[in-house]
């Protein structure tokens, strides 16, 4: 059975948003990447918050029977990459996201719209 990664990336975004992540965006990269369909980007407030976001996300996605294929940056806690095969998640410290101008990579690409209230 093919997974609905669009639905799953929305679940992931909602989880990060509800855990106080900032600047949460989902980019549609289906026309640009042969490896995944969606890129979820979020910012945590500090290293402790990044770890809490990661732990919460893993727990939430396991409810949908989805485990990370690969995680990078977990020890450094400045930029964490979580690969869920159909989508990837980048969680940054604010200064790291700004330094690498990460969102510029996706200029002109469609964003998946979502609205959540805290």
PDB file of N, CA and C in Angstrom:
ATOM      1  N   UNK A   1       0.837  -1.190   0.000  1.00  0.00           N
ATOM      2  CA  UNK A   1       0.000   0.000   0.000  1.00  0.00           C
ATOM      3  C   UNK A   1       0.883   1.256   0.000  1.00  0.00           C
ATOM      4  N   UNK A   2       0.587   2.162  -0.897  1.00  0.00           N
ATOM      5  CA  UNK A   2       1.348   3.409  -1.008  1.00  0.00           C
ATOM      6  C   UNK A   2       0.948   4.359   0.123  1.00  0.00           C
ATOM      7  N   UNK A   3       1.942   4.944   0.755  1.00  0.00           N
ATOM      8  CA  UNK A   3       1.682   5.881   1.854  1.00  0.00           C
ATOM      9  C   UNK A   3       1.248   7.237   1.308  1.00  0.00           C
ATOM     10  N   UNK A   4       0.373   7.896   2.041  1.00  0.00           N
ATOM     11  CA  UNK A   4      -0.072   9.246   1.701  1.00  0.00           C
ATOM     12  C   UNK A   4       0.864  10.237   2.395  1.00  0.00           C
ATOM     13  N   UNK A   5       1.998  10.533   1.747  1.00  0.00           N
ATOM     14  CA  UNK A   5       3.000  11.398   2.368  1.00  0.00           C
ATOM     15  C   UNK A   5       2.516  12.835   2.521  1.00  0.00           C
ATOM     16  N   UNK A   6       1.595  13.257   1.690  1.00  0.00           N
ATOM     17  CA  UNK A   6       1.038  14.606   1.849  1.00  0.00           C
ATOM     18  C   UNK A   6       0.303  14.705   3.185  1.00  0.00           C
ATOM     19  N   UNK A   7      -0.467  13.703   3.507  1.00  0.00           N
ATOM     20  CA  UNK A   7      -1.174  13.673   4.792  1.00  0.00           C
ATOM     21  C   UNK A   7      -0.175  13.545   5.945  1.00  0.00           C
ATOM     22  N   UNK A   8       0.819  12.698   5.777  1.00  0.00           N
ATOM     23  CA  UNK A   8       1.797  12.472   6.839  1.00  0.00           C
ATOM     24  C   UNK A   8       2.651  13.706   7.114  1.00  0.00           C
ATOM     25  N   UNK A   9       3.040  14.436   6.073  1.00  0.00           N
ATOM     26  CA  UNK A   9       3.841  15.640   6.297  1.00  0.00           C
ATOM     27  C   UNK A   9       3.004  16.713   6.993  1.00  0.00           C
ATOM     28  N   UNK A  10       1.710  16.735   6.737  1.00  0.00           N
ATOM     29  CA  UNK A  10       0.827  17.665   7.456  1.00  0.00           C
ATOM     30  C   UNK A  10       0.739  17.300   8.940  1.00  0.00           C
ATOM     31  N   UNK A  11       0.677  16.010   9.223  1.00  0.00           N
ATOM     32  CA  UNK A  11       0.665  15.555  10.619  1.00  0.00           C
ATOM     33  C   UNK A  11       1.959  15.988  11.303  1.00  0.00           C
ATOM     34  N   UNK A  12       3.072  15.809  10.610  1.00  0.00           N
ATOM     35  CA  UNK A  12       4.369  16.207  11.159  1.00  0.00           C
ATOM     36  C   UNK A  12       4.424  17.714  11.410  1.00  0.00           C
ATOM     37  N   UNK A  13       3.940  18.499  10.458  1.00  0.00           N
ATOM     38  CA  UNK A  13       3.942  19.962  10.604  1.00  0.00           C
ATOM     39  C   UNK A  13       3.076  20.392  11.781  1.00  0.00           C
ATOM     40  N   UNK A  14       1.910  19.784  11.898  1.00  0.00           N
ATOM     41  CA  UNK A  14       1.015  20.126  13.009  1.00  0.00           C
ATOM     42  C   UNK A  14       1.682  19.809  14.346  1.00  0.00           C
ATOM     43  N   UNK A  15       2.360  18.668  14.411  1.00  0.00           N
ATOM     44  CA  UNK A  15       3.041  18.291  15.645  1.00  0.00           C
ATOM     45  C   UNK A  15       4.104  19.313  16.022  1.00  0.00           C
ATOM     46  N   UNK A  16       4.938  19.705  15.065  1.00  0.00           N
ATOM     47  CA  UNK A  16       5.987  20.686  15.352  1.00  0.00           C
ATOM     48  C   UNK A  16       5.392  22.028  15.752  1.00  0.00           C
ATOM     49  N   UNK A  17       4.356  22.439  15.041  1.00  0.00           N
ATOM     50  CA  UNK A  17       3.691  23.706  15.349  1.00  0.00           C
ATOM     51  C   UNK A  17       3.118  23.678  16.765  1.00  0.00           C
ATOM     52  N   UNK A  18       2.465  22.586  17.116  1.00  0.00           N
ATOM     53  CA  UNK A  18       1.858  22.469  18.449  1.00  0.00           C
ATOM     54  C   UNK A  18       2.896  22.424  19.559  1.00  0.00           C
ATOM     55  N   UNK A  19       4.117  22.074  19.215  1.00  0.00           N
ATOM     56  CA  UNK A  19       5.214  22.053  20.190  1.00  0.00           C
ATOM     57  C   UNK A  19       6.028  23.345  20.139  1.00  0.00           C
ATOM     58  N   UNK A  20       5.413  24.391  19.602  1.00  0.00           N
ATOM     59  CA  UNK A  20       5.974  25.743  19.594  1.00  0.00           C
ATOM     60  C   UNK A  20       7.136  25.950  18.623  1.00  0.00           C
ATOM     61  N   UNK A  21       7.273  25.101  17.611  1.00  0.00           N
ATOM     62  CA  UNK A  21       8.252  25.383  16.555  1.00  0.00           C
ATOM     63  C   UNK A  21       7.805  26.644  15.822  1.00  0.00           C
ATOM     64  N   UNK A  22       8.751  27.372  15.283  1.00  0.00           N
ATOM     65  CA  UNK A  22       8.452  28.619  14.580  1.00  0.00           C
ATOM     66  C   UNK A  22       8.772  28.476  13.096  1.00  0.00           C
ATOM     67  N   UNK A  23       8.182  29.364  12.295  1.00  0.00           N
ATOM     68  CA  UNK A  23       8.436  29.397  10.848  1.00  0.00           C
ATOM     69  C   UNK A  23       8.343  28.003  10.230  1.00  0.00           C
ATOM     70  N   UNK A  24       7.207  27.357  10.458  1.00  0.00           N
ATOM     71  CA  UNK A  24       6.974  26.001   9.948  1.00  0.00           C
ATOM     72  C   UNK A  24       6.425  26.107   8.525  1.00  0.00           C
ATOM     73  N   UNK A  25       7.155  25.527   7.573  1.00  0.00           N
ATOM     74  CA  UNK A  25       6.733  25.542   6.171  1.00  0.00           C
ATOM     75  C   UNK A  25       6.876  24.149   5.576  1.00  0.00           C
ATOM     76  N   UNK A  26       5.962  23.815   4.674  1.00  0.00           N
ATOM     77  CA  UNK A  26       6.057  22.582   3.893  1.00  0.00           C
ATOM     78  C   UNK A  26       6.239  22.989   2.438  1.00  0.00           C
ATOM     79  N   UNK A  27       7.336  22.561   1.843  1.00  0.00           N
ATOM     80  CA  UNK A  27       7.610  22.853   0.441  1.00  0.00           C
ATOM     81  C   UNK A  27       7.307  21.623  -0.413  1.00  0.00           C
ATOM     82  N   UNK A  28       6.654  21.862  -1.534  1.00  0.00           N
ATOM     83  CA  UNK A  28       6.319  20.820  -2.502  1.00  0.00           C
ATOM     84  C   UNK A  28       7.476  20.708  -3.490  1.00  0.00           C
ATOM     85  N   UNK A  29       8.223  19.615  -3.409  1.00  0.00           N
ATOM     86  CA  UNK A  29       9.392  19.444  -4.277  1.00  0.00           C
ATOM     87  C   UNK A  29       9.217  18.270  -5.247  1.00  0.00           C
ATOM     88  N   UNK A  30       7.977  17.870  -5.480  1.00  0.00           N
ATOM     89  CA  UNK A  30       7.715  16.710  -6.349  1.00  0.00           C
ATOM     90  C   UNK A  30       8.283  16.892  -7.751  1.00  0.00           C
ATOM     91  N   UNK A  31       8.287  18.106  -8.252  1.00  0.00           N
ATOM     92  CA  UNK A  31       8.804  18.354  -9.601  1.00  0.00           C
ATOM     93  C   UNK A  31      10.325  18.534  -9.638  1.00  0.00           C
ATOM     94  N   UNK A  32      10.957  18.548  -8.467  1.00  0.00           N
ATOM     95  CA  UNK A  32      12.383  18.861  -8.403  1.00  0.00           C
ATOM     96  C   UNK A  32      13.241  17.753  -7.803  1.00  0.00           C
ATOM     97  N   UNK A  33      12.642  16.847  -7.058  1.00  0.00           N
ATOM     98  CA  UNK A  33      13.421  15.825  -6.364  1.00  0.00           C
ATOM     99  C   UNK A  33      12.941  14.421  -6.715  1.00  0.00           C
ATOM    100  N   UNK A  34      13.859  13.557  -7.103  1.00  0.00           N
ATOM    101  CA  UNK A  34      13.474  12.166  -7.346  1.00  0.00           C
ATOM    102  C   UNK A  34      13.443  11.334  -6.063  1.00  0.00           C
ATOM    103  N   UNK A  35      13.854  11.928  -4.941  1.00  0.00           N
ATOM    104  CA  UNK A  35      14.002  11.175  -3.703  1.00  0.00           C
ATOM    105  C   UNK A  35      12.847  11.336  -2.727  1.00  0.00           C
ATOM    106  N   UNK A  36      12.218  12.508  -2.701  1.00  0.00           N
ATOM    107  CA  UNK A  36      11.116  12.761  -1.781  1.00  0.00           C
ATOM    108  C   UNK A  36      10.211  13.819  -2.377  1.00  0.00           C
ATOM    109  N   UNK A  37       8.988  13.904  -1.839  1.00  0.00           N
ATOM    110  CA  UNK A  37       7.967  14.808  -2.381  1.00  0.00           C
ATOM    111  C   UNK A  37       7.845  16.125  -1.623  1.00  0.00           C
ATOM    112  N   UNK A  38       8.174  16.094  -0.342  1.00  0.00           N
ATOM    113  CA  UNK A  38       7.925  17.247   0.520  1.00  0.00           C
ATOM    114  C   UNK A  38       9.142  17.529   1.389  1.00  0.00           C
ATOM    115  N   UNK A  39       9.355  18.809   1.681  1.00  0.00           N
ATOM    116  CA  UNK A  39      10.381  19.234   2.631  1.00  0.00           C
ATOM    117  C   UNK A  39       9.682  20.069   3.695  1.00  0.00           C
ATOM    118  N   UNK A  40       9.791  19.631   4.929  1.00  0.00           N
ATOM    119  CA  UNK A  40       9.218  20.337   6.072  1.00  0.00           C
ATOM    120  C   UNK A  40      10.355  21.036   6.797  1.00  0.00           C
ATOM    121  N   UNK A  41      10.204  22.331   7.004  1.00  0.00           N
ATOM    122  CA  UNK A  41      11.242  23.135   7.642  1.00  0.00           C
ATOM    123  C   UNK A  41      10.638  23.820   8.860  1.00  0.00           C
ATOM    124  N   UNK A  42      11.387  23.809   9.970  1.00  0.00           N
ATOM    125  CA  UNK A  42      10.912  24.447  11.199  1.00  0.00           C
ATOM    126  C   UNK A  42      12.110  24.955  11.992  1.00  0.00           C
ATOM    127  N   UNK A  43      11.836  25.862  12.904  1.00  0.00           N
ATOM    128  CA  UNK A  43      12.871  26.434  13.756  1.00  0.00           C
ATOM    129  C   UNK A  43      12.517  26.198  15.212  1.00  0.00           C
ATOM    130  N   UNK A  44      13.518  25.743  15.969  1.00  0.00           N
ATOM    131  CA  UNK A  44      13.372  25.594  17.413  1.00  0.00           C
ATOM    132  C   UNK A  44      14.051  26.749  18.121  1.00  0.00           C
ATOM    133  N   UNK A  45      13.691  26.962  19.362  1.00  0.00           N
ATOM    134  CA  UNK A  45      14.194  28.124  20.102  1.00  0.00           C
ATOM    135  C   UNK A  45      15.629  27.952  20.605  1.00  0.00           C
ATOM    136  N   UNK A  46      15.997  26.722  20.968  1.00  0.00           N
ATOM    137  CA  UNK A  46      17.323  26.439  21.504  1.00  0.00           C
ATOM    138  C   UNK A  46      17.598  24.940  21.359  1.00  0.00           C
ATOM    139  N   UNK A  47      18.763  24.496  21.814  1.00  0.00           N
ATOM    140  CA  UNK A  47      19.140  23.094  21.639  1.00  0.00           C
ATOM    141  C   UNK A  47      18.186  22.144  22.359  1.00  0.00           C
ATOM    142  N   UNK A  48      17.759  22.509  23.546  1.00  0.00           N
ATOM    143  CA  UNK A  48      16.814  21.670  24.295  1.00  0.00           C
ATOM    144  C   UNK A  48      15.495  21.572  23.543  1.00  0.00           C
ATOM    145  N   UNK A  49      15.044  22.681  22.993  1.00  0.00           N
ATOM    146  CA  UNK A  49      13.796  22.694  22.228  1.00  0.00           C
ATOM    147  C   UNK A  49      13.930  21.837  20.967  1.00  0.00           C
ATOM    148  N   UNK A  50      15.066  21.893  20.280  1.00  0.00           N
ATOM    149  CA  UNK A  50      15.277  21.052  19.095  1.00  0.00           C
ATOM    150  C   UNK A  50      15.140  19.579  19.447  1.00  0.00           C
ATOM    151  N   UNK A  51      15.760  19.167  20.536  1.00  0.00           N
ATOM    152  CA  UNK A  51      15.679  17.765  20.968  1.00  0.00           C
ATOM    153  C   UNK A  51      14.244  17.390  21.310  1.00  0.00           C
ATOM    154  N   UNK A  52      13.526  18.284  21.984  1.00  0.00           N
ATOM    155  CA  UNK A  52      12.125  18.019  22.328  1.00  0.00           C
ATOM    156  C   UNK A  52      11.266  17.911  21.070  1.00  0.00           C
ATOM    157  N   UNK A  53      11.518  18.769  20.082  1.00  0.00           N
ATOM    158  CA  UNK A  53      10.784  18.702  18.814  1.00  0.00           C
ATOM    159  C   UNK A  53      11.054  17.376  18.112  1.00  0.00           C
ATOM    160  N   UNK A  54      12.305  16.966  18.074  1.00  0.00           N
ATOM    161  CA  UNK A  54      12.668  15.695  17.446  1.00  0.00           C
ATOM    162  C   UNK A  54      11.959  14.528  18.132  1.00  0.00           C
ATOM    163  N   UNK A  55      12.044  14.470  19.451  1.00  0.00           N
ATOM    164  CA  UNK A  55      11.425  13.367  20.196  1.00  0.00           C
ATOM    165  C   UNK A  55       9.921  13.331  19.992  1.00  0.00           C
ATOM    166  N   UNK A  56       9.293  14.487  20.037  1.00  0.00           N
ATOM    167  CA  UNK A  56       7.844  14.572  19.850  1.00  0.00           C
ATOM    168  C   UNK A  56       7.445  14.137  18.444  1.00  0.00           C
ATOM    169  N   UNK A  57       8.213  14.572  17.448  1.00  0.00           N
ATOM    170  CA  UNK A  57       7.916  14.216  16.064  1.00  0.00           C
ATOM    171  C   UNK A  57       8.018  12.706  15.853  1.00  0.00           C
ATOM    172  N   UNK A  58       9.080  12.101  16.344  1.00  0.00           N
ATOM    173  CA  UNK A  58       9.254  10.654  16.186  1.00  0.00           C
ATOM    174  C   UNK A  58       8.091   9.910  16.833  1.00  0.00           C
ATOM    175  N   UNK A  59       7.729  10.321  18.038  1.00  0.00           N
ATOM    176  CA  UNK A  59       6.612   9.683  18.746  1.00  0.00           C
ATOM    177  C   UNK A  59       5.303   9.840  17.971  1.00  0.00           C
ATOM    178  N   UNK A  60       5.046  11.027  17.460  1.00  0.00           N
ATOM    179  CA  UNK A  60       3.806  11.286  16.716  1.00  0.00           C
ATOM    180  C   UNK A  60       3.753  10.479  15.420  1.00  0.00           C
ATOM    181  N   UNK A  61       4.847  10.418  14.699  1.00  0.00           N
ATOM    182  CA  UNK A  61       4.844   9.708  13.422  1.00  0.00           C
ATOM    183  C   UNK A  61       4.738   8.195  13.621  1.00  0.00           C
ATOM    184  N   UNK A  62       5.230   7.696  14.738  1.00  0.00           N
ATOM    185  CA  UNK A  62       5.093   6.266  15.023  1.00  0.00           C
ATOM    186  C   UNK A  62       3.631   5.875  15.201  1.00  0.00           C
ATOM    187  N   UNK A  63       2.784   6.818  15.594  1.00  0.00           N
ATOM    188  CA  UNK A  63       1.339   6.557  15.689  1.00  0.00           C
ATOM    189  C   UNK A  63       0.754   6.262  14.313  1.00  0.00           C
ATOM    190  N   UNK A  64       1.414   6.760  13.269  1.00  0.00           N
ATOM    191  CA  UNK A  64       0.998   6.497  11.886  1.00  0.00           C
ATOM    192  C   UNK A  64       1.853   5.387  11.263  1.00  0.00           C
ATOM    193  N   UNK A  65       2.511   4.620  12.121  1.00  0.00           N
ATOM    194  CA  UNK A  65       3.373   3.503  11.689  1.00  0.00           C
ATOM    195  C   UNK A  65       4.499   3.965  10.767  1.00  0.00           C
ATOM    196  N   UNK A  66       5.060   5.122  11.070  1.00  0.00           N
ATOM    197  CA  UNK A  66       6.152   5.665  10.265  1.00  0.00           C
ATOM    198  C   UNK A  66       7.346   5.964  11.173  1.00  0.00           C
ATOM    199  N   UNK A  67       8.461   5.317  10.880  1.00  0.00           N
ATOM    200  CA  UNK A  67       9.698   5.544  11.623  1.00  0.00           C
ATOM    201  C   UNK A  67      10.703   6.224  10.712  1.00  0.00           C
ATOM    202  N   UNK A  68      11.608   7.007  11.285  1.00  0.00           N
ATOM    203  CA  UNK A  68      12.611   7.668  10.451  1.00  0.00           C
ATOM    204  C   UNK A  68      13.496   6.655   9.737  1.00  0.00           C
ATOM    205  N   UNK A  69      13.761   6.941   8.481  1.00  0.00           N
ATOM    206  CA  UNK A  69      14.707   6.127   7.715  1.00  0.00           C
ATOM    207  C   UNK A  69      16.132   6.470   8.148  1.00  0.00           C
ATOM    208  N   UNK A  70      16.347   7.753   8.463  1.00  0.00           N
ATOM    209  CA  UNK A  70      17.677   8.218   8.842  1.00  0.00           C
ATOM    210  C   UNK A  70      17.543   9.549   9.591  1.00  0.00           C
ATOM    211  N   UNK A  71      18.413   9.769  10.569  1.00  0.00           N
ATOM    212  CA  UNK A  71      18.463  11.040  11.308  1.00  0.00           C
ATOM    213  C   UNK A  71      19.909  11.524  11.315  1.00  0.00           C
ATOM    214  N   UNK A  72      20.103  12.808  11.021  1.00  0.00           N
ATOM    215  CA  UNK A  72      21.429  13.426  11.096  1.00  0.00           C
ATOM    216  C   UNK A  72      21.362  14.654  11.990  1.00  0.00           C
ATOM    217  N   UNK A  73      22.457  14.923  12.697  1.00  0.00           N
ATOM    218  CA  UNK A  73      22.562  16.134  13.499  1.00  0.00           C
ATOM    219  C   UNK A  73      21.973  16.031  14.884  1.00  0.00           C
ATOM    220  N   UNK A  74      21.544  14.843  15.264  1.00  0.00           N
ATOM    221  CA  UNK A  74      20.900  14.680  16.571  1.00  0.00           C
ATOM    222  C   UNK A  74      21.845  15.040  17.714  1.00  0.00           C
ATOM    223  N   UNK A  75      23.112  14.719  17.582  1.00  0.00           N
ATOM    224  CA  UNK A  75      24.076  15.014  18.641  1.00  0.00           C
ATOM    225  C   UNK A  75      24.468  16.485  18.674  1.00  0.00           C
ATOM    226  N   UNK A  76      24.607  17.100  17.509  1.00  0.00           N
ATOM    227  CA  UNK A  76      25.027  18.504  17.440  1.00  0.00           C
ATOM    228  C   UNK A  76      23.921  19.448  17.902  1.00  0.00           C
ATOM    229  N   UNK A  77      22.676  19.087  17.646  1.00  0.00           N
ATOM    230  CA  UNK A  77      21.503  19.869  18.059  1.00  0.00           C
ATOM    231  C   UNK A  77      21.538  21.320  17.568  1.00  0.00           C
ATOM    232  N   UNK A  78      21.975  21.510  16.332  1.00  0.00           N
ATOM    233  CA  UNK A  78      21.933  22.842  15.730  1.00  0.00           C
ATOM    234  C   UNK A  78      21.087  22.806  14.466  1.00  0.00           C
ATOM    235  N   UNK A  79      21.146  21.669  13.770  1.00  0.00           N
ATOM    236  CA  UNK A  79      20.382  21.440  12.545  1.00  0.00           C
ATOM    237  C   UNK A  79      20.140  19.941  12.496  1.00  0.00           C
ATOM    238  N   UNK A  80      18.908  19.552  12.642  1.00  0.00           N
ATOM    239  CA  UNK A  80      18.557  18.133  12.641  1.00  0.00           C
ATOM    240  C   UNK A  80      17.796  17.820  11.359  1.00  0.00           C
ATOM    241  N   UNK A  81      18.207  16.760  10.690  1.00  0.00           N
ATOM    242  CA  UNK A  81      17.551  16.278   9.476  1.00  0.00           C
ATOM    243  C   UNK A  81      16.936  14.921   9.785  1.00  0.00           C
ATOM    244  N   UNK A  82      15.643  14.780   9.501  1.00  0.00           N
ATOM    245  CA  UNK A  82      14.949  13.514   9.686  1.00  0.00           C
ATOM    246  C   UNK A  82      14.399  13.091   8.331  1.00  0.00           C
ATOM    247  N   UNK A  83      14.813  11.924   7.870  1.00  0.00           N
ATOM    248  CA  UNK A  83      14.400  11.400   6.567  1.00  0.00           C
ATOM    249  C   UNK A  83      13.285  10.378   6.774  1.00  0.00           C
ATOM    250  N   UNK A  84      12.102  10.711   6.275  1.00  0.00           N
ATOM    251  CA  UNK A  84      10.965   9.794   6.322  1.00  0.00           C
ATOM    252  C   UNK A  84      10.670   9.219   4.934  1.00  0.00           C
ATOM    253  N   UNK A  85      11.652   9.188   4.079  1.00  0.00           N
ATOM    254  CA  UNK A  85      11.599   8.675   2.709  1.00  0.00           C
ATOM    255  C   UNK A  85      10.711   9.511   1.800  1.00  0.00           C
ATOM    256  N   UNK A  86       9.425   9.630   2.033  1.00  0.00           N
ATOM    257  CA  UNK A  86       8.552  10.443   1.183  1.00  0.00           C
ATOM    258  C   UNK A  86       8.650  11.927   1.476  1.00  0.00           C
ATOM    259  N   UNK A  87       9.189  12.253   2.633  1.00  0.00           N
ATOM    260  CA  UNK A  87       9.438  13.652   2.988  1.00  0.00           C
ATOM    261  C   UNK A  87      10.614  13.713   3.951  1.00  0.00           C
ATOM    262  N   UNK A  88      11.250  14.883   3.993  1.00  0.00           N
ATOM    263  CA  UNK A  88      12.332  15.116   4.942  1.00  0.00           C
ATOM    264  C   UNK A  88      11.971  16.315   5.804  1.00  0.00           C
ATOM    265  N   UNK A  89      12.500  16.301   7.018  1.00  0.00           N
ATOM    266  CA  UNK A  89      12.241  17.367   7.981  1.00  0.00           C
ATOM    267  C   UNK A  89      13.579  17.979   8.372  1.00  0.00           C
ATOM    268  N   UNK A  90      13.647  19.307   8.317  1.00  0.00           N
ATOM    269  CA  UNK A  90      14.817  20.052   8.782  1.00  0.00           C
ATOM    270  C   UNK A  90      14.363  20.899   9.959  1.00  0.00           C
ATOM    271  N   UNK A  91      15.018  20.718  11.113  1.00  0.00           N
ATOM    272  CA  UNK A  91      14.726  21.536  12.290  1.00  0.00           C
ATOM    273  C   UNK A  91      16.019  22.265  12.651  1.00  0.00           C
ATOM    274  N   UNK A  92      15.941  23.582  12.675  1.00  0.00           N
ATOM    275  CA  UNK A  92      17.120  24.426  12.861  1.00  0.00           C
ATOM    276  C   UNK A  92      17.045  25.238  14.145  1.00  0.00           C
ATOM    277  N   UNK A  93      18.210  25.647  14.626  1.00  0.00           N
ATOM    278  CA  UNK A  93      18.281  26.784  15.530  1.00  0.00           C
ATOM    279  C   UNK A  93      18.099  28.029  14.664  1.00  0.00           C
ATOM    280  N   UNK A  94      17.548  29.112  15.212  1.00  0.00           N
ATOM    281  CA  UNK A  94      17.283  30.304  14.393  1.00  0.00           C
ATOM    282  C   UNK A  94      18.513  30.832  13.656  1.00  0.00           C
ATOM    283  N   UNK A  95      19.645  30.902  14.349  1.00  0.00           N
ATOM    284  CA  UNK A  95      20.843  31.470  13.725  1.00  0.00           C
ATOM    285  C   UNK A  95      21.395  30.570  12.615  1.00  0.00           C
ATOM    286  N   UNK A  96      21.192  29.277  12.724  1.00  0.00           N
ATOM    287  CA  UNK A  96      21.673  28.348  11.694  1.00  0.00           C
ATOM    288  C   UNK A  96      20.807  28.462  10.445  1.00  0.00           C
ATOM    289  N   UNK A  97      19.510  28.514  10.634  1.00  0.00           N
ATOM    290  CA  UNK A  97      18.604  28.659   9.482  1.00  0.00           C
ATOM    291  C   UNK A  97      18.882  29.970   8.750  1.00  0.00           C
ATOM    292  N   UNK A  98      19.121  31.023   9.518  1.00  0.00           N
ATOM    293  CA  UNK A  98      19.414  32.328   8.917  1.00  0.00           C
ATOM    294  C   UNK A  98      20.770  32.305   8.205  1.00  0.00           C
ATOM    295  N   UNK A  99      21.782  31.743   8.839  1.00  0.00           N
ATOM    296  CA  UNK A  99      23.132  31.713   8.266  1.00  0.00           C
ATOM    297  C   UNK A  99      23.151  31.014   6.907  1.00  0.00           C
ATOM    298  N   UNK A 100      22.503  29.876   6.811  1.00  0.00           N
ATOM    299  CA  UNK A 100      22.509  29.112   5.557  1.00  0.00           C
ATOM    300  C   UNK A 100      21.450  29.576   4.562  1.00  0.00           C
ATOM    301  N   UNK A 101      20.625  30.534   4.974  1.00  0.00           N
ATOM    302  CA  UNK A 101      19.553  31.041   4.102  1.00  0.00           C
ATOM    303  C   UNK A 101      18.809  29.871   3.461  1.00  0.00           C
ATOM    304  N   UNK A 102      18.457  28.903   4.299  1.00  0.00           N
ATOM    305  CA  UNK A 102      17.920  27.634   3.818  1.00  0.00           C
ATOM    306  C   UNK A 102      16.665  27.801   2.971  1.00  0.00           C
ATOM    307  N   UNK A 103      15.790  28.704   3.349  1.00  0.00           N
ATOM    308  CA  UNK A 103      14.528  28.868   2.623  1.00  0.00           C
ATOM    309  C   UNK A 103      14.730  29.427   1.213  1.00  0.00           C
ATOM    310  N   UNK A 104      15.872  30.052   0.959  1.00  0.00           N
ATOM    311  CA  UNK A 104      16.139  30.567  -0.398  1.00  0.00           C
ATOM    312  C   UNK A 104      16.203  29.447  -1.426  1.00  0.00           C
ATOM    313  N   UNK A 105      16.616  28.269  -0.984  1.00  0.00           N
ATOM    314  CA  UNK A 105      16.682  27.115  -1.888  1.00  0.00           C
ATOM    315  C   UNK A 105      15.320  26.854  -2.518  1.00  0.00           C
ATOM    316  N   UNK A 106      14.268  27.139  -1.767  1.00  0.00           N
ATOM    317  CA  UNK A 106      12.917  26.787  -2.192  1.00  0.00           C
ATOM    318  C   UNK A 106      12.133  27.957  -2.771  1.00  0.00           C
ATOM    319  N   UNK A 107      12.805  29.079  -3.018  1.00  0.00           N
ATOM    320  CA  UNK A 107      12.117  30.223  -3.614  1.00  0.00           C
ATOM    321  C   UNK A 107      11.473  29.806  -4.930  1.00  0.00           C
ATOM    322  N   UNK A 108      10.238  30.181  -5.095  1.00  0.00           N
ATOM    323  CA  UNK A 108       9.519  29.861  -6.318  1.00  0.00           C
ATOM    324  C   UNK A 108       8.815  28.519  -6.294  1.00  0.00           C
ATOM    325  N   UNK A 109       9.112  27.704  -5.297  1.00  0.00           N
ATOM    326  CA  UNK A 109       8.422  26.416  -5.188  1.00  0.00           C
ATOM    327  C   UNK A 109       7.126  26.595  -4.412  1.00  0.00           C
ATOM    328  N   UNK A 110       6.193  25.711  -4.673  1.00  0.00           N
ATOM    329  CA  UNK A 110       4.908  25.786  -3.987  1.00  0.00           C
ATOM    330  C   UNK A 110       5.060  25.386  -2.526  1.00  0.00           C
ATOM    331  N   UNK A 111       4.304  26.077  -1.682  1.00  0.00           N
ATOM    332  CA  UNK A 111       4.213  25.699  -0.276  1.00  0.00           C
ATOM    333  C   UNK A 111       2.863  25.033  -0.069  1.00  0.00           C
ATOM    334  N   UNK A 112       2.865  23.991   0.720  1.00  0.00           N
ATOM    335  CA  UNK A 112       1.621  23.346   1.094  1.00  0.00           C
ATOM    336  C   UNK A 112       0.987  24.189   2.188  1.00  0.00           C
ATOM    337  N   UNK A 113      -0.220  24.617   1.964  1.00  0.00           N
ATOM    338  CA  UNK A 113      -0.881  25.502   2.921  1.00  0.00           C
ATOM    339  C   UNK A 113      -1.461  24.699   4.081  1.00  0.00           C
ATOM    340  N   UNK A 114      -1.283  25.226   5.260  1.00  0.00           N
ATOM    341  CA  UNK A 114      -1.917  24.643   6.437  1.00  0.00           C
ATOM    342  C   UNK A 114      -2.129  25.753   7.449  1.00  0.00           C
ATOM    343  N   UNK A 115      -3.174  25.615   8.228  1.00  0.00           N
ATOM    344  CA  UNK A 115      -3.488  26.620   9.242  1.00  0.00           C
ATOM    345  C   UNK A 115      -3.757  25.887  10.550  1.00  0.00           C
ATOM    346  N   UNK A 116      -3.012  26.244  11.564  1.00  0.00           N
ATOM    347  CA  UNK A 116      -3.216  25.668  12.890  1.00  0.00           C
ATOM    348  C   UNK A 116      -3.297  26.809  13.880  1.00  0.00           C
ATOM    349  N   UNK A 117      -4.060  26.587  14.915  1.00  0.00           N
ATOM    350  CA  UNK A 117      -4.162  27.585  15.979  1.00  0.00           C
ATOM    351  C   UNK A 117      -3.568  27.000  17.242  1.00  0.00           C
ATOM    352  N   UNK A 118      -2.791  27.803  17.911  1.00  0.00           N
ATOM    353  CA  UNK A 118      -2.190  27.363  19.183  1.00  0.00           C
ATOM    354  C   UNK A 118      -3.238  27.392  20.269  1.00  0.00           C
TER     355      UNK A 118
END
